[in-house]
């Protein structure tokens, strides 16, 4: 979400991030750099929900760059990609996210293993400004599940 609030030195400040805590007098927002902002509710001037950014078309990503990311992550197989905005559409962001076992964020991309809970990985990655995901697998059952979720194969 985006929150605009008054600051003690005068004027206002905007923070874009995830609400990770709320109490009777304050709200805590975690920005994409990992900084927590504790904001007094009385100081909030405006705010609204912001969806996960769509980013660039993942089907246009050069395969060799995705291959390098997959190698750094330690995954192999056919390439399946999706925008995080499409994977997470209509879902409520969790207040807390756990770090995945087999996933790495690299710029606007996250590379995840096929056994990871992909929506949880997507929320984790979105907090760092990631906009697209690739998953690698050759397993026919996992491929079918990925395609059902909206992933597309990048040949």
N, C-alpha and C. Protein backbone atom coordinates (compact mmCIF):
# COMPACT_ATOMS: atom_id res chain seq x y z
N UNK A 1 0.83 -1.17 0.00
CA UNK A 1 0.00 0.00 0.00
C UNK A 1 0.87 1.22 0.00
N UNK A 2 0.28 2.36 -0.30
CA UNK A 2 0.95 3.65 -0.22
C UNK A 2 0.34 4.43 0.94
N UNK A 3 1.19 4.98 1.78
CA UNK A 3 0.74 5.76 2.92
C UNK A 3 1.43 7.13 2.89
N UNK A 4 0.65 8.18 2.95
CA UNK A 4 1.19 9.54 3.08
C UNK A 4 0.90 9.99 4.50
N UNK A 5 1.94 10.50 5.17
CA UNK A 5 1.77 10.91 6.56
C UNK A 5 2.59 12.16 6.86
N UNK A 6 2.14 12.89 7.88
CA UNK A 6 2.85 14.08 8.33
C UNK A 6 4.10 13.67 9.10
N UNK A 7 5.17 14.43 8.89
CA UNK A 7 6.43 14.18 9.61
C UNK A 7 6.68 15.33 10.59
N UNK A 8 7.38 15.06 11.71
CA UNK A 8 7.57 16.08 12.75
C UNK A 8 8.24 17.36 12.25
N UNK A 9 9.15 17.25 11.28
CA UNK A 9 9.86 18.43 10.81
C UNK A 9 9.03 19.28 9.84
N UNK A 10 7.79 18.86 9.60
CA UNK A 10 6.89 19.59 8.72
C UNK A 10 6.77 18.91 7.36
N UNK A 11 5.64 19.06 6.73
CA UNK A 11 5.41 18.44 5.44
C UNK A 11 4.92 17.01 5.58
N UNK A 12 4.99 16.28 4.46
CA UNK A 12 4.53 14.89 4.45
C UNK A 12 5.58 14.00 3.80
N UNK A 13 5.40 12.72 4.01
CA UNK A 13 6.28 11.69 3.44
C UNK A 13 5.40 10.57 2.93
N UNK A 14 5.82 9.93 1.85
CA UNK A 14 5.12 8.77 1.32
C UNK A 14 5.95 7.52 1.53
N UNK A 15 5.30 6.43 1.87
CA UNK A 15 5.94 5.12 1.98
C UNK A 15 5.10 4.13 1.20
N UNK A 16 5.77 3.33 0.38
CA UNK A 16 5.11 2.26 -0.36
C UNK A 16 5.65 0.95 0.19
N UNK A 17 4.76 0.07 0.59
CA UNK A 17 5.20 -1.21 1.13
C UNK A 17 4.05 -2.04 1.64
N UNK A 18 4.37 -2.98 2.51
CA UNK A 18 3.39 -3.90 3.07
C UNK A 18 3.13 -3.55 4.52
N UNK A 19 1.86 -3.53 4.90
CA UNK A 19 1.49 -3.33 6.30
C UNK A 19 1.80 -4.64 7.01
N UNK A 20 2.71 -4.58 7.97
CA UNK A 20 3.11 -5.78 8.71
C UNK A 20 2.68 -5.74 10.16
N UNK A 21 2.07 -4.64 10.55
CA UNK A 21 1.58 -4.54 11.92
C UNK A 21 0.66 -3.34 12.05
N UNK A 22 -0.32 -3.47 12.92
CA UNK A 22 -1.23 -2.36 13.19
C UNK A 22 -1.72 -2.48 14.62
N UNK A 23 -1.74 -1.38 15.29
CA UNK A 23 -2.21 -1.32 16.66
C UNK A 23 -3.21 -0.20 16.81
N UNK A 24 -3.58 0.12 18.04
CA UNK A 24 -4.58 1.17 18.25
C UNK A 24 -4.10 2.56 17.85
N UNK A 25 -2.77 2.78 17.84
CA UNK A 25 -2.27 4.13 17.53
C UNK A 25 -1.23 4.18 16.42
N UNK A 26 -0.72 3.01 15.98
CA UNK A 26 0.33 3.00 14.95
C UNK A 26 0.10 1.91 13.91
N UNK A 27 0.77 2.09 12.79
CA UNK A 27 0.80 1.11 11.71
C UNK A 27 2.26 0.94 11.32
N UNK A 28 2.69 -0.29 11.06
CA UNK A 28 4.06 -0.54 10.64
C UNK A 28 4.04 -0.99 9.18
N UNK A 29 4.81 -0.28 8.35
CA UNK A 29 4.89 -0.57 6.92
C UNK A 29 6.33 -0.98 6.60
N UNK A 30 6.48 -2.12 5.93
CA UNK A 30 7.78 -2.61 5.50
C UNK A 30 7.96 -2.23 4.04
N UNK A 31 8.99 -1.40 3.74
CA UNK A 31 9.21 -0.99 2.35
C UNK A 31 10.03 -2.04 1.61
N UNK A 32 10.21 -1.86 0.30
CA UNK A 32 10.88 -2.88 -0.53
C UNK A 32 12.36 -3.02 -0.20
N UNK A 33 12.93 -2.08 0.52
CA UNK A 33 14.33 -2.18 0.93
C UNK A 33 14.48 -2.89 2.27
N UNK A 34 13.34 -3.25 2.87
CA UNK A 34 13.36 -3.96 4.14
C UNK A 34 13.30 -3.06 5.35
N UNK A 35 13.15 -1.76 5.15
CA UNK A 35 13.07 -0.82 6.28
C UNK A 35 11.64 -0.78 6.80
N UNK A 36 11.50 -0.82 8.12
CA UNK A 36 10.19 -0.71 8.75
C UNK A 36 9.93 0.74 9.12
N UNK A 37 8.73 1.20 8.81
CA UNK A 37 8.30 2.55 9.13
C UNK A 37 7.11 2.44 10.08
N UNK A 38 7.29 2.92 11.31
CA UNK A 38 6.20 2.94 12.28
C UNK A 38 5.54 4.31 12.17
N UNK A 39 4.27 4.31 11.78
CA UNK A 39 3.56 5.55 11.47
C UNK A 39 2.40 5.71 12.47
N UNK A 40 2.33 6.87 13.07
CA UNK A 40 1.20 7.15 13.96
C UNK A 40 -0.06 7.30 13.12
N UNK A 41 -1.12 6.63 13.49
CA UNK A 41 -2.38 6.71 12.73
C UNK A 41 -2.88 8.14 12.63
N UNK A 42 -2.67 8.92 13.68
CA UNK A 42 -3.12 10.32 13.68
C UNK A 42 -2.39 11.16 12.64
N UNK A 43 -1.21 10.70 12.19
CA UNK A 43 -0.42 11.46 11.21
C UNK A 43 -0.74 11.08 9.76
N UNK A 44 -1.53 10.03 9.56
CA UNK A 44 -1.82 9.59 8.19
C UNK A 44 -2.77 10.58 7.52
N UNK A 45 -2.35 11.03 6.34
CA UNK A 45 -3.12 11.97 5.55
C UNK A 45 -3.91 11.23 4.47
N UNK A 46 -3.30 10.22 3.87
CA UNK A 46 -3.95 9.47 2.79
C UNK A 46 -3.28 8.10 2.68
N UNK A 47 -3.97 7.20 2.05
CA UNK A 47 -3.41 5.87 1.80
C UNK A 47 -4.32 5.09 0.89
N UNK A 48 -3.73 4.18 0.15
CA UNK A 48 -4.54 3.28 -0.68
C UNK A 48 -3.75 2.02 -1.02
N UNK A 49 -4.49 1.01 -1.35
CA UNK A 49 -3.91 -0.28 -1.72
C UNK A 49 -3.30 -0.18 -3.11
N UNK A 50 -2.10 -0.72 -3.25
CA UNK A 50 -1.39 -0.74 -4.53
C UNK A 50 -1.16 -2.20 -4.90
N UNK A 51 -1.54 -2.61 -6.10
CA UNK A 51 -1.30 -4.01 -6.49
C UNK A 51 0.19 -4.26 -6.76
N UNK A 52 0.56 -5.52 -6.83
CA UNK A 52 1.92 -5.90 -7.21
C UNK A 52 2.16 -5.39 -8.63
N UNK A 53 3.29 -4.77 -8.85
CA UNK A 53 3.60 -4.19 -10.16
C UNK A 53 3.67 -5.28 -11.23
N UNK A 54 3.13 -4.97 -12.40
CA UNK A 54 3.13 -5.95 -13.50
C UNK A 54 4.51 -6.17 -14.08
N UNK A 55 5.32 -5.16 -14.17
CA UNK A 55 6.65 -5.33 -14.73
C UNK A 55 6.63 -5.64 -16.22
N UNK A 56 7.76 -6.03 -16.73
CA UNK A 56 7.92 -6.33 -18.15
C UNK A 56 7.32 -7.69 -18.50
N UNK A 57 7.09 -7.91 -19.77
CA UNK A 57 6.56 -9.19 -20.26
C UNK A 57 7.61 -10.27 -20.03
N UNK A 58 7.33 -11.26 -19.17
CA UNK A 58 8.34 -12.28 -18.90
C UNK A 58 8.68 -13.15 -20.11
N UNK A 59 7.79 -13.19 -21.09
CA UNK A 59 8.07 -14.00 -22.29
C UNK A 59 9.15 -13.35 -23.18
N UNK A 60 9.50 -12.12 -22.88
CA UNK A 60 10.53 -11.43 -23.67
C UNK A 60 11.92 -11.48 -23.01
N UNK A 61 12.01 -12.15 -21.89
CA UNK A 61 13.29 -12.23 -21.18
C UNK A 61 14.23 -13.15 -21.97
N UNK A 62 15.46 -12.72 -22.21
CA UNK A 62 16.42 -13.59 -22.90
C UNK A 62 16.66 -14.88 -22.12
N UNK A 63 16.56 -15.98 -22.82
CA UNK A 63 16.70 -17.30 -22.19
C UNK A 63 18.04 -17.47 -21.51
N UNK A 64 19.11 -16.93 -22.07
CA UNK A 64 20.42 -17.11 -21.46
C UNK A 64 20.51 -16.43 -20.08
N UNK A 65 19.81 -15.32 -19.91
CA UNK A 65 19.80 -14.67 -18.59
C UNK A 65 19.02 -15.51 -17.58
N UNK A 66 17.89 -16.08 -18.02
CA UNK A 66 17.13 -16.97 -17.13
C UNK A 66 17.95 -18.21 -16.79
N UNK A 67 18.68 -18.73 -17.76
CA UNK A 67 19.52 -19.90 -17.52
C UNK A 67 20.59 -19.61 -16.46
N UNK A 68 21.19 -18.42 -16.53
CA UNK A 68 22.22 -18.05 -15.55
C UNK A 68 21.61 -17.94 -14.15
N UNK A 69 20.40 -17.38 -14.06
CA UNK A 69 19.72 -17.29 -12.76
C UNK A 69 19.40 -18.68 -12.23
N UNK A 70 18.94 -19.56 -13.10
CA UNK A 70 18.60 -20.92 -12.67
C UNK A 70 19.84 -21.65 -12.18
N UNK A 71 20.95 -21.46 -12.87
CA UNK A 71 22.20 -22.10 -12.45
C UNK A 71 22.63 -21.60 -11.07
N UNK A 72 22.52 -20.28 -10.83
CA UNK A 72 22.88 -19.74 -9.51
C UNK A 72 21.97 -20.27 -8.41
N UNK A 73 20.72 -20.53 -8.76
CA UNK A 73 19.76 -21.02 -7.77
C UNK A 73 19.92 -22.53 -7.54
N UNK A 74 20.45 -23.22 -8.55
CA UNK A 74 20.62 -24.66 -8.43
C UNK A 74 19.43 -25.46 -8.91
N UNK A 75 18.69 -24.92 -9.90
CA UNK A 75 17.55 -25.63 -10.46
C UNK A 75 17.78 -25.84 -11.95
N UNK A 76 17.13 -26.87 -12.48
CA UNK A 76 17.28 -27.20 -13.89
C UNK A 76 15.94 -27.67 -14.44
N UNK A 77 15.84 -27.70 -15.75
CA UNK A 77 14.63 -28.18 -16.41
C UNK A 77 14.10 -27.14 -17.38
N UNK A 78 12.93 -27.43 -17.89
CA UNK A 78 12.28 -26.50 -18.82
C UNK A 78 11.90 -25.23 -18.08
N UNK A 79 11.86 -24.09 -18.83
CA UNK A 79 11.58 -22.76 -18.25
C UNK A 79 10.09 -22.46 -18.27
N UNK A 80 9.54 -22.12 -17.09
CA UNK A 80 8.15 -21.69 -16.98
C UNK A 80 8.16 -20.35 -16.25
N UNK A 81 7.46 -19.36 -16.83
CA UNK A 81 7.51 -18.00 -16.30
C UNK A 81 6.10 -17.44 -16.09
N UNK A 82 6.03 -16.45 -15.19
CA UNK A 82 4.76 -15.76 -14.92
C UNK A 82 5.07 -14.42 -14.27
N UNK A 83 4.19 -13.46 -14.48
CA UNK A 83 4.26 -12.21 -13.72
C UNK A 83 3.71 -12.47 -12.32
N UNK A 84 4.36 -11.91 -11.30
CA UNK A 84 3.86 -12.08 -9.94
C UNK A 84 2.45 -11.49 -9.82
N UNK A 85 2.19 -10.39 -10.52
CA UNK A 85 0.86 -9.78 -10.46
C UNK A 85 -0.21 -10.76 -10.92
N UNK A 86 0.08 -11.58 -11.90
CA UNK A 86 -0.90 -12.57 -12.38
C UNK A 86 -1.04 -13.73 -11.40
N UNK A 87 0.07 -14.18 -10.83
CA UNK A 87 0.04 -15.29 -9.88
C UNK A 87 -0.70 -14.90 -8.59
N UNK A 88 -0.56 -13.64 -8.18
CA UNK A 88 -1.11 -13.20 -6.89
C UNK A 88 -2.42 -12.44 -7.01
N UNK A 89 -2.92 -12.27 -8.22
CA UNK A 89 -4.13 -11.49 -8.42
C UNK A 89 -5.28 -11.99 -7.55
N UNK A 90 -5.92 -11.05 -6.86
CA UNK A 90 -7.08 -11.38 -6.02
C UNK A 90 -6.73 -11.97 -4.67
N UNK A 91 -5.47 -12.14 -4.36
CA UNK A 91 -5.05 -12.71 -3.07
C UNK A 91 -4.66 -11.60 -2.10
N UNK A 92 -4.90 -11.84 -0.84
CA UNK A 92 -4.50 -10.91 0.21
C UNK A 92 -3.05 -11.18 0.60
N UNK A 93 -2.23 -10.13 0.67
CA UNK A 93 -0.85 -10.37 1.10
C UNK A 93 -0.79 -10.75 2.58
N UNK A 94 0.05 -11.71 2.91
CA UNK A 94 0.19 -12.10 4.31
C UNK A 94 0.99 -11.04 5.07
N UNK A 95 0.76 -10.94 6.37
CA UNK A 95 1.52 -10.00 7.20
C UNK A 95 2.98 -10.44 7.30
N UNK A 96 3.21 -11.73 7.37
CA UNK A 96 4.57 -12.26 7.49
C UNK A 96 4.83 -13.26 6.38
N UNK A 97 6.05 -13.27 5.87
CA UNK A 97 6.44 -14.26 4.87
C UNK A 97 7.74 -14.90 5.30
N UNK A 98 7.84 -16.18 5.06
CA UNK A 98 9.05 -16.92 5.40
C UNK A 98 9.97 -16.96 4.18
N UNK A 99 11.26 -17.00 4.43
CA UNK A 99 12.22 -17.13 3.34
C UNK A 99 12.12 -18.55 2.78
N UNK A 100 12.08 -18.67 1.46
CA UNK A 100 11.99 -20.01 0.85
C UNK A 100 13.30 -20.78 0.97
N UNK A 101 13.19 -22.09 0.84
CA UNK A 101 14.38 -22.94 0.90
C UNK A 101 15.15 -22.88 -0.40
N UNK A 102 14.43 -22.92 -1.54
CA UNK A 102 15.10 -22.97 -2.84
C UNK A 102 14.52 -21.90 -3.76
N UNK A 103 14.97 -20.67 -3.56
CA UNK A 103 14.57 -19.56 -4.41
C UNK A 103 15.55 -18.42 -4.23
N UNK A 104 15.83 -17.71 -5.31
CA UNK A 104 16.69 -16.55 -5.24
C UNK A 104 16.05 -15.41 -6.01
N UNK A 105 16.17 -14.21 -5.45
CA UNK A 105 15.70 -13.00 -6.11
C UNK A 105 16.89 -12.37 -6.80
N UNK A 106 16.67 -11.97 -8.05
CA UNK A 106 17.74 -11.39 -8.87
C UNK A 106 17.14 -10.26 -9.70
N UNK A 107 17.25 -9.03 -9.20
CA UNK A 107 16.65 -7.90 -9.90
C UNK A 107 15.13 -8.01 -9.88
N UNK A 108 14.52 -7.99 -11.05
CA UNK A 108 13.06 -8.09 -11.15
C UNK A 108 12.57 -9.54 -11.22
N UNK A 109 13.48 -10.49 -11.04
CA UNK A 109 13.12 -11.91 -11.19
C UNK A 109 13.37 -12.69 -9.91
N UNK A 110 12.54 -13.71 -9.70
CA UNK A 110 12.80 -14.71 -8.69
C UNK A 110 12.80 -16.06 -9.40
N UNK A 111 13.76 -16.89 -9.04
CA UNK A 111 13.85 -18.25 -9.56
C UNK A 111 13.55 -19.18 -8.40
N UNK A 112 12.59 -20.09 -8.61
CA UNK A 112 12.18 -20.98 -7.53
C UNK A 112 12.18 -22.43 -7.98
N UNK A 113 12.41 -23.30 -7.03
CA UNK A 113 12.29 -24.72 -7.30
C UNK A 113 10.82 -25.12 -7.39
N UNK A 114 10.49 -26.16 -8.12
CA UNK A 114 9.10 -26.54 -8.33
C UNK A 114 8.38 -27.04 -7.08
N UNK A 115 9.13 -27.41 -6.05
CA UNK A 115 8.51 -27.91 -4.82
C UNK A 115 8.17 -26.80 -3.83
N UNK A 116 8.59 -25.58 -4.12
CA UNK A 116 8.32 -24.46 -3.23
C UNK A 116 6.83 -24.08 -3.27
N UNK A 117 6.29 -23.53 -2.18
CA UNK A 117 4.93 -22.96 -2.22
C UNK A 117 5.02 -21.64 -3.01
N UNK A 118 4.67 -21.68 -4.28
CA UNK A 118 4.99 -20.59 -5.19
C UNK A 118 4.33 -19.26 -4.84
N UNK A 119 3.10 -19.28 -4.32
CA UNK A 119 2.48 -18.01 -3.92
C UNK A 119 3.26 -17.39 -2.75
N UNK A 120 3.70 -18.21 -1.82
CA UNK A 120 4.49 -17.70 -0.69
C UNK A 120 5.81 -17.14 -1.18
N UNK A 121 6.45 -17.82 -2.13
CA UNK A 121 7.69 -17.31 -2.71
C UNK A 121 7.43 -15.98 -3.40
N UNK A 122 6.31 -15.89 -4.11
CA UNK A 122 5.97 -14.65 -4.82
C UNK A 122 5.79 -13.49 -3.85
N UNK A 123 5.07 -13.71 -2.73
CA UNK A 123 4.92 -12.64 -1.74
C UNK A 123 6.28 -12.25 -1.17
N UNK A 124 7.09 -13.23 -0.86
CA UNK A 124 8.44 -12.97 -0.34
C UNK A 124 9.23 -12.13 -1.34
N UNK A 125 9.20 -12.50 -2.59
CA UNK A 125 9.98 -11.80 -3.62
C UNK A 125 9.42 -10.42 -3.92
N UNK A 126 8.10 -10.29 -3.88
CA UNK A 126 7.50 -8.99 -4.21
C UNK A 126 7.92 -7.90 -3.24
N UNK A 127 8.28 -8.29 -2.04
CA UNK A 127 8.73 -7.32 -1.04
C UNK A 127 10.10 -6.74 -1.38
N UNK A 128 10.77 -7.34 -2.35
CA UNK A 128 12.07 -6.85 -2.80
C UNK A 128 11.99 -6.22 -4.19
N UNK A 129 10.79 -5.98 -4.68
CA UNK A 129 10.65 -5.35 -5.99
C UNK A 129 10.65 -6.32 -7.16
N UNK A 130 10.62 -7.61 -6.88
CA UNK A 130 10.58 -8.61 -7.95
C UNK A 130 9.23 -8.55 -8.64
N UNK A 131 9.22 -8.78 -9.96
CA UNK A 131 7.98 -8.68 -10.72
C UNK A 131 7.65 -9.93 -11.52
N UNK A 132 8.62 -10.83 -11.71
CA UNK A 132 8.37 -12.04 -12.49
C UNK A 132 9.05 -13.23 -11.82
N UNK A 133 8.54 -14.42 -12.13
CA UNK A 133 9.07 -15.65 -11.55
C UNK A 133 9.35 -16.67 -12.65
N UNK A 134 10.43 -17.41 -12.46
CA UNK A 134 10.65 -18.59 -13.29
C UNK A 134 10.75 -19.81 -12.38
N UNK A 135 10.20 -20.90 -12.88
CA UNK A 135 10.29 -22.19 -12.20
C UNK A 135 10.82 -23.17 -13.24
N UNK A 136 11.72 -24.05 -12.82
CA UNK A 136 12.31 -25.03 -13.73
C UNK A 136 11.89 -26.43 -13.31
N UNK A 137 11.45 -27.21 -14.29
CA UNK A 137 11.12 -28.60 -14.03
C UNK A 137 10.97 -29.35 -15.35
N UNK A 138 11.17 -30.66 -15.29
CA UNK A 138 10.90 -31.56 -16.42
C UNK A 138 9.80 -32.55 -16.06
N UNK A 139 9.28 -32.48 -14.84
CA UNK A 139 8.28 -33.41 -14.35
C UNK A 139 6.91 -33.09 -14.98
N UNK A 140 6.32 -34.02 -15.72
CA UNK A 140 5.05 -33.76 -16.41
C UNK A 140 3.91 -33.32 -15.47
N UNK A 141 3.83 -33.90 -14.29
CA UNK A 141 2.76 -33.51 -13.36
C UNK A 141 2.97 -32.07 -12.87
N UNK A 142 4.20 -31.71 -12.57
CA UNK A 142 4.48 -30.34 -12.13
C UNK A 142 4.26 -29.35 -13.27
N UNK A 143 4.61 -29.74 -14.48
CA UNK A 143 4.40 -28.88 -15.65
C UNK A 143 2.90 -28.61 -15.81
N UNK A 144 2.09 -29.65 -15.71
CA UNK A 144 0.64 -29.47 -15.84
C UNK A 144 0.11 -28.53 -14.75
N UNK A 145 0.62 -28.68 -13.53
CA UNK A 145 0.18 -27.82 -12.43
C UNK A 145 0.59 -26.37 -12.68
N UNK A 146 1.80 -26.15 -13.17
CA UNK A 146 2.26 -24.80 -13.48
C UNK A 146 1.39 -24.16 -14.57
N UNK A 147 1.13 -24.91 -15.62
CA UNK A 147 0.30 -24.39 -16.72
C UNK A 147 -1.11 -24.06 -16.23
N UNK A 148 -1.65 -24.88 -15.33
CA UNK A 148 -2.97 -24.62 -14.76
C UNK A 148 -2.99 -23.32 -13.94
N UNK A 149 -1.86 -22.97 -13.36
CA UNK A 149 -1.77 -21.76 -12.54
C UNK A 149 -1.48 -20.51 -13.37
N UNK A 150 -1.28 -20.68 -14.67
CA UNK A 150 -1.04 -19.53 -15.53
C UNK A 150 0.39 -19.34 -15.98
N UNK A 151 1.29 -20.22 -15.57
CA UNK A 151 2.67 -20.14 -16.05
C UNK A 151 2.68 -20.45 -17.54
N UNK A 152 3.67 -19.88 -18.24
CA UNK A 152 3.84 -20.17 -19.66
C UNK A 152 5.26 -20.66 -19.87
N UNK A 153 5.41 -21.58 -20.83
CA UNK A 153 6.74 -22.10 -21.10
C UNK A 153 7.49 -21.15 -22.02
N UNK A 154 8.71 -20.85 -21.65
CA UNK A 154 9.60 -20.04 -22.47
C UNK A 154 10.62 -20.98 -23.08
N UNK A 155 10.51 -21.19 -24.37
CA UNK A 155 11.40 -22.15 -25.06
C UNK A 155 12.77 -21.57 -25.30
